[in-house]
Amino acid sequence: MAEHAKVYQLRSAPPLREPLWREVLGHRLRTLRREQSETLSETAGRAGISPQYLSEIERGRKEPSSEMIAALAGALDLTLTELTEQVAGDLRQYQALAPRAALAPKAIASPLAFAA
């Protein structure tokens, strides 16, 4: 007796969404911290926050206050202006890639893949 294969419809990739500011900020902070070969504890200690809170900021789960963003920038030896410009640049880069990603959804797996 022949077996019948079940056929499932492939789901299309979900549409890309523009990343939130806190997600891009967190990704940028993590990138900067890792470029300096620092641990969460080292950077968090200089900024005056817990490593757990910094981890949540880096993962885009917490929306830090402007004072906290300034403290983190300082802990990473940046001015608030420099950090803000980098985050804005990351957002611009995403916008430049987003139309192409819509044509080829696998080009950007996550909203933050462009900044890696």
N, C-alpha and C. Protein backbone atom coordinates (compact mmCIF):
# COMPACT_ATOMS: atom_id res chain seq x y z
N MET A 1 0.84 -1.16 0.00
CA MET A 1 0.00 0.00 0.00
C MET A 1 0.89 1.24 0.00
N ALA A 2 0.60 2.19 -0.84
CA ALA A 2 1.40 3.41 -0.97
C ALA A 2 1.10 4.38 0.18
N GLU A 3 2.14 5.06 0.62
CA GLU A 3 1.97 6.07 1.66
C GLU A 3 1.65 7.40 1.02
N HIS A 4 0.85 8.17 1.68
CA HIS A 4 0.53 9.50 1.20
C HIS A 4 1.26 10.54 2.03
N ALA A 5 1.94 11.40 1.36
CA ALA A 5 2.67 12.47 2.07
C ALA A 5 1.72 13.61 2.41
N LYS A 6 1.92 14.14 3.58
CA LYS A 6 1.13 15.31 3.96
C LYS A 6 1.80 16.54 3.37
N VAL A 7 1.03 17.42 2.80
CA VAL A 7 1.56 18.64 2.19
C VAL A 7 1.11 19.81 3.04
N TYR A 8 2.08 20.60 3.47
CA TYR A 8 1.80 21.78 4.28
C TYR A 8 2.16 23.03 3.49
N GLN A 9 1.34 24.01 3.62
CA GLN A 9 1.63 25.27 2.96
C GLN A 9 2.74 25.99 3.72
N LEU A 10 3.72 26.47 2.99
CA LEU A 10 4.80 27.21 3.61
C LEU A 10 4.31 28.57 4.06
N ARG A 11 4.72 28.93 5.25
CA ARG A 11 4.35 30.26 5.72
C ARG A 11 5.31 31.27 5.14
N SER A 12 4.79 32.38 4.73
CA SER A 12 5.67 33.42 4.21
C SER A 12 6.34 34.12 5.39
N ALA A 13 7.47 34.70 5.11
CA ALA A 13 8.20 35.40 6.16
C ALA A 13 7.37 36.58 6.65
N PRO A 14 7.40 36.82 7.96
CA PRO A 14 6.65 37.96 8.46
C PRO A 14 7.24 39.26 7.92
N PRO A 15 6.42 40.26 7.71
CA PRO A 15 6.96 41.51 7.19
C PRO A 15 7.94 42.12 8.20
N LEU A 16 8.96 42.73 7.65
CA LEU A 16 9.94 43.39 8.52
C LEU A 16 9.32 44.61 9.16
N ARG A 17 9.65 44.83 10.38
CA ARG A 17 9.19 46.03 11.05
C ARG A 17 10.40 46.90 11.36
N GLU A 18 10.15 48.16 11.41
CA GLU A 18 11.22 49.07 11.77
C GLU A 18 11.57 48.83 13.23
N PRO A 19 12.86 48.70 13.56
CA PRO A 19 13.21 48.43 14.94
C PRO A 19 12.89 49.64 15.84
N LEU A 20 12.63 49.35 17.08
CA LEU A 20 12.39 50.41 18.05
C LEU A 20 13.72 51.06 18.43
N TRP A 21 13.66 52.31 18.84
CA TRP A 21 14.85 53.04 19.27
C TRP A 21 15.59 52.25 20.35
N ARG A 22 14.85 51.72 21.34
CA ARG A 22 15.50 51.02 22.45
C ARG A 22 16.22 49.76 21.97
N GLU A 23 15.70 49.12 20.91
CA GLU A 23 16.36 47.93 20.37
C GLU A 23 17.67 48.30 19.69
N VAL A 24 17.65 49.35 18.91
CA VAL A 24 18.85 49.78 18.20
C VAL A 24 19.88 50.32 19.20
N LEU A 25 19.42 51.09 20.17
CA LEU A 25 20.31 51.59 21.22
C LEU A 25 20.96 50.42 21.95
N GLY A 26 20.17 49.44 22.34
CA GLY A 26 20.72 48.30 23.07
C GLY A 26 21.74 47.54 22.25
N HIS A 27 21.43 47.33 20.99
CA HIS A 27 22.37 46.62 20.11
C HIS A 27 23.67 47.41 19.98
N ARG A 28 23.56 48.71 19.83
CA ARG A 28 24.75 49.57 19.71
C ARG A 28 25.57 49.53 21.00
N LEU A 29 24.91 49.61 22.15
CA LEU A 29 25.63 49.56 23.43
C LEU A 29 26.37 48.24 23.59
N ARG A 30 25.71 47.14 23.24
CA ARG A 30 26.36 45.83 23.36
C ARG A 30 27.56 45.75 22.42
N THR A 31 27.41 46.24 21.19
CA THR A 31 28.51 46.23 20.23
C THR A 31 29.70 47.03 20.76
N LEU A 32 29.42 48.22 21.28
CA LEU A 32 30.49 49.06 21.81
C LEU A 32 31.18 48.40 23.00
N ARG A 33 30.39 47.82 23.89
CA ARG A 33 30.95 47.17 25.08
C ARG A 33 31.84 46.00 24.67
N ARG A 34 31.38 45.20 23.73
CA ARG A 34 32.17 44.05 23.29
C ARG A 34 33.43 44.47 22.54
N GLU A 35 33.34 45.56 21.76
CA GLU A 35 34.53 46.06 21.06
C GLU A 35 35.61 46.47 22.05
N GLN A 36 35.19 46.88 23.25
CA GLN A 36 36.14 47.26 24.29
C GLN A 36 36.51 46.07 25.18
N SER A 37 36.05 44.88 24.81
CA SER A 37 36.32 43.64 25.56
C SER A 37 35.95 43.79 27.03
N GLU A 38 34.79 44.36 27.28
CA GLU A 38 34.33 44.56 28.65
C GLU A 38 33.19 43.61 28.98
N THR A 39 33.08 43.31 30.26
CA THR A 39 31.96 42.51 30.74
C THR A 39 30.79 43.44 31.08
N LEU A 40 29.62 42.83 31.21
CA LEU A 40 28.46 43.60 31.65
C LEU A 40 28.76 44.28 32.99
N SER A 41 29.39 43.55 33.89
CA SER A 41 29.67 44.09 35.23
C SER A 41 30.58 45.30 35.19
N GLU A 42 31.59 45.27 34.35
CA GLU A 42 32.52 46.40 34.28
C GLU A 42 31.83 47.66 33.79
N THR A 43 31.12 47.54 32.68
CA THR A 43 30.44 48.71 32.11
C THR A 43 29.32 49.18 33.03
N ALA A 44 28.54 48.25 33.55
CA ALA A 44 27.44 48.61 34.44
C ALA A 44 27.96 49.31 35.69
N GLY A 45 29.05 48.82 36.23
CA GLY A 45 29.63 49.43 37.43
C GLY A 45 30.00 50.88 37.22
N ARG A 46 30.62 51.18 36.09
CA ARG A 46 30.99 52.57 35.81
C ARG A 46 29.77 53.45 35.56
N ALA A 47 28.71 52.85 35.03
CA ALA A 47 27.49 53.62 34.75
C ALA A 47 26.60 53.75 35.99
N GLY A 48 26.90 52.97 37.01
CA GLY A 48 26.11 53.04 38.23
C GLY A 48 24.80 52.27 38.18
N ILE A 49 24.78 51.18 37.40
CA ILE A 49 23.58 50.35 37.31
C ILE A 49 23.97 48.89 37.51
N SER A 50 22.99 48.03 37.64
CA SER A 50 23.28 46.61 37.82
C SER A 50 23.57 45.96 36.46
N PRO A 51 24.38 44.91 36.47
CA PRO A 51 24.63 44.19 35.22
C PRO A 51 23.34 43.63 34.61
N GLN A 52 22.40 43.23 35.46
CA GLN A 52 21.14 42.69 34.96
C GLN A 52 20.36 43.75 34.19
N TYR A 53 20.35 44.98 34.73
CA TYR A 53 19.63 46.06 34.05
C TYR A 53 20.31 46.40 32.73
N LEU A 54 21.62 46.44 32.72
CA LEU A 54 22.34 46.71 31.46
C LEU A 54 22.03 45.62 30.44
N SER A 55 21.97 44.37 30.88
CA SER A 55 21.64 43.28 29.97
C SER A 55 20.26 43.49 29.36
N GLU A 56 19.30 43.91 30.16
CA GLU A 56 17.96 44.15 29.64
C GLU A 56 17.93 45.32 28.66
N ILE A 57 18.73 46.34 28.93
CA ILE A 57 18.83 47.47 28.00
C ILE A 57 19.43 46.99 26.68
N GLU A 58 20.52 46.22 26.76
CA GLU A 58 21.17 45.73 25.56
C GLU A 58 20.27 44.83 24.73
N ARG A 59 19.37 44.11 25.37
CA ARG A 59 18.44 43.24 24.65
C ARG A 59 17.20 43.99 24.16
N GLY A 60 17.14 45.30 24.42
CA GLY A 60 16.02 46.10 23.95
C GLY A 60 14.75 45.90 24.75
N ARG A 61 14.87 45.39 25.96
CA ARG A 61 13.70 45.12 26.79
C ARG A 61 13.34 46.28 27.71
N LYS A 62 14.32 47.11 28.01
CA LYS A 62 14.09 48.27 28.88
C LYS A 62 14.37 49.55 28.12
N GLU A 63 13.58 50.56 28.43
CA GLU A 63 13.74 51.88 27.83
C GLU A 63 14.42 52.77 28.87
N PRO A 64 15.74 52.96 28.76
CA PRO A 64 16.45 53.73 29.78
C PRO A 64 16.13 55.22 29.69
N SER A 65 16.25 55.89 30.82
CA SER A 65 16.05 57.34 30.85
C SER A 65 17.21 58.03 30.14
N SER A 66 17.01 59.30 29.85
CA SER A 66 18.09 60.06 29.19
C SER A 66 19.32 60.13 30.09
N GLU A 67 19.12 60.21 31.39
CA GLU A 67 20.25 60.23 32.33
C GLU A 67 21.01 58.92 32.27
N MET A 68 20.28 57.82 32.17
CA MET A 68 20.92 56.51 32.11
C MET A 68 21.68 56.34 30.80
N ILE A 69 21.11 56.82 29.71
CA ILE A 69 21.80 56.74 28.42
C ILE A 69 23.09 57.55 28.47
N ALA A 70 23.04 58.72 29.06
CA ALA A 70 24.24 59.55 29.20
C ALA A 70 25.28 58.85 30.06
N ALA A 71 24.85 58.20 31.14
CA ALA A 71 25.79 57.48 32.01
C ALA A 71 26.44 56.31 31.27
N LEU A 72 25.66 55.61 30.48
CA LEU A 72 26.21 54.49 29.71
C LEU A 72 27.17 54.98 28.63
N ALA A 73 26.82 56.09 27.99
CA ALA A 73 27.74 56.66 26.99
C ALA A 73 29.06 57.00 27.65
N GLY A 74 29.00 57.66 28.80
CA GLY A 74 30.22 58.01 29.53
C GLY A 74 31.01 56.79 29.95
N ALA A 75 30.32 55.74 30.38
CA ALA A 75 30.99 54.51 30.79
C ALA A 75 31.72 53.86 29.62
N LEU A 76 31.26 54.14 28.41
CA LEU A 76 31.89 53.59 27.20
C LEU A 76 32.80 54.62 26.52
N ASP A 77 33.13 55.67 27.25
CA ASP A 77 34.03 56.73 26.76
C ASP A 77 33.51 57.44 25.52
N LEU A 78 32.19 57.67 25.50
CA LEU A 78 31.55 58.41 24.42
C LEU A 78 30.78 59.57 25.00
N THR A 79 30.54 60.56 24.17
CA THR A 79 29.60 61.61 24.57
C THR A 79 28.20 61.14 24.20
N LEU A 80 27.21 61.76 24.79
CA LEU A 80 25.84 61.44 24.45
C LEU A 80 25.58 61.71 22.97
N THR A 81 26.17 62.78 22.46
CA THR A 81 26.02 63.11 21.04
C THR A 81 26.61 62.01 20.16
N GLU A 82 27.79 61.52 20.50
CA GLU A 82 28.42 60.46 19.69
C GLU A 82 27.57 59.19 19.68
N LEU A 83 27.07 58.81 20.86
CA LEU A 83 26.24 57.61 20.92
C LEU A 83 24.95 57.80 20.12
N THR A 84 24.32 58.95 20.27
CA THR A 84 23.08 59.23 19.55
C THR A 84 23.31 59.20 18.04
N GLU A 85 24.43 59.77 17.59
CA GLU A 85 24.74 59.76 16.16
C GLU A 85 24.94 58.34 15.64
N GLN A 86 25.57 57.49 16.45
CA GLN A 86 25.77 56.10 16.02
C GLN A 86 24.44 55.36 15.91
N VAL A 87 23.56 55.58 16.89
CA VAL A 87 22.24 54.93 16.84
C VAL A 87 21.45 55.44 15.63
N ALA A 88 21.51 56.74 15.40
CA ALA A 88 20.81 57.31 14.24
C ALA A 88 21.37 56.72 12.94
N GLY A 89 22.68 56.54 12.87
CA GLY A 89 23.30 55.92 11.70
C GLY A 89 22.83 54.49 11.50
N ASP A 90 22.69 53.75 12.61
CA ASP A 90 22.19 52.38 12.52
C ASP A 90 20.76 52.37 11.97
N LEU A 91 19.94 53.31 12.43
CA LEU A 91 18.56 53.40 11.94
C LEU A 91 18.53 53.75 10.45
N ARG A 92 19.41 54.67 10.03
CA ARG A 92 19.47 55.03 8.61
C ARG A 92 19.89 53.83 7.77
N GLN A 93 20.85 53.08 8.28
CA GLN A 93 21.31 51.90 7.55
C GLN A 93 20.17 50.89 7.42
N TYR A 94 19.40 50.71 8.46
CA TYR A 94 18.26 49.81 8.38
C TYR A 94 17.28 50.28 7.30
N GLN A 95 16.98 51.57 7.30
CA GLN A 95 16.03 52.11 6.32
C GLN A 95 16.54 51.91 4.90
N ALA A 96 17.84 52.00 4.71
CA ALA A 96 18.40 51.81 3.37
C ALA A 96 18.29 50.35 2.93
N LEU A 97 18.38 49.42 3.88
CA LEU A 97 18.32 48.01 3.55
C LEU A 97 16.90 47.45 3.54
N ALA A 98 16.00 48.09 4.24
CA ALA A 98 14.64 47.55 4.39
C ALA A 98 13.92 47.32 3.07
N PRO A 99 13.96 48.23 2.09
CA PRO A 99 13.25 47.97 0.83
C PRO A 99 13.79 46.72 0.13
N ARG A 100 15.10 46.53 0.15
CA ARG A 100 15.68 45.34 -0.47
C ARG A 100 15.29 44.09 0.30
N ALA A 101 15.22 44.20 1.61
CA ALA A 101 14.86 43.06 2.44
C ALA A 101 13.42 42.63 2.18
N ALA A 102 12.57 43.58 1.84
CA ALA A 102 11.17 43.24 1.55
C ALA A 102 11.09 42.35 0.31
N LEU A 103 12.02 42.55 -0.63
CA LEU A 103 12.04 41.72 -1.83
C LEU A 103 12.66 40.36 -1.55
N ALA A 104 13.60 40.33 -0.62
CA ALA A 104 14.27 39.08 -0.24
C ALA A 104 14.25 38.98 1.28
N PRO A 105 13.18 38.47 1.87
CA PRO A 105 13.02 38.49 3.32
C PRO A 105 14.13 37.83 4.10
N LYS A 106 14.85 36.91 3.52
CA LYS A 106 15.92 36.25 4.27
C LYS A 106 17.18 37.11 4.34
N ALA A 107 17.21 38.22 3.64
CA ALA A 107 18.39 39.08 3.64
C ALA A 107 18.67 39.65 5.01
N ILE A 108 17.63 39.96 5.76
CA ILE A 108 17.78 40.47 7.11
C ILE A 108 16.88 39.63 8.00
N ALA A 109 17.50 38.79 8.82
CA ALA A 109 16.72 37.89 9.64
C ALA A 109 16.02 38.61 10.78
N SER A 110 16.66 39.62 11.32
CA SER A 110 16.05 40.38 12.40
C SER A 110 16.22 41.85 12.10
N PRO A 111 15.44 42.69 12.76
CA PRO A 111 15.55 44.12 12.50
C PRO A 111 16.93 44.69 12.80
N LEU A 112 17.73 43.96 13.59
CA LEU A 112 19.03 44.49 13.98
C LEU A 112 20.21 43.80 13.28
N ALA A 113 19.93 42.90 12.37
CA ALA A 113 21.00 42.16 11.72
C ALA A 113 21.92 43.06 10.92
N PHE A 114 21.40 44.18 10.45
CA PHE A 114 22.21 45.10 9.65
C PHE A 114 23.34 45.71 10.43
N ALA A 115 23.20 45.83 11.73
CA ALA A 115 24.18 46.55 12.54
C ALA A 115 25.25 45.64 13.11
N ALA A 116 25.22 44.38 12.76
CA ALA A 116 26.18 43.43 13.34
C ALA A 116 27.59 43.66 12.86
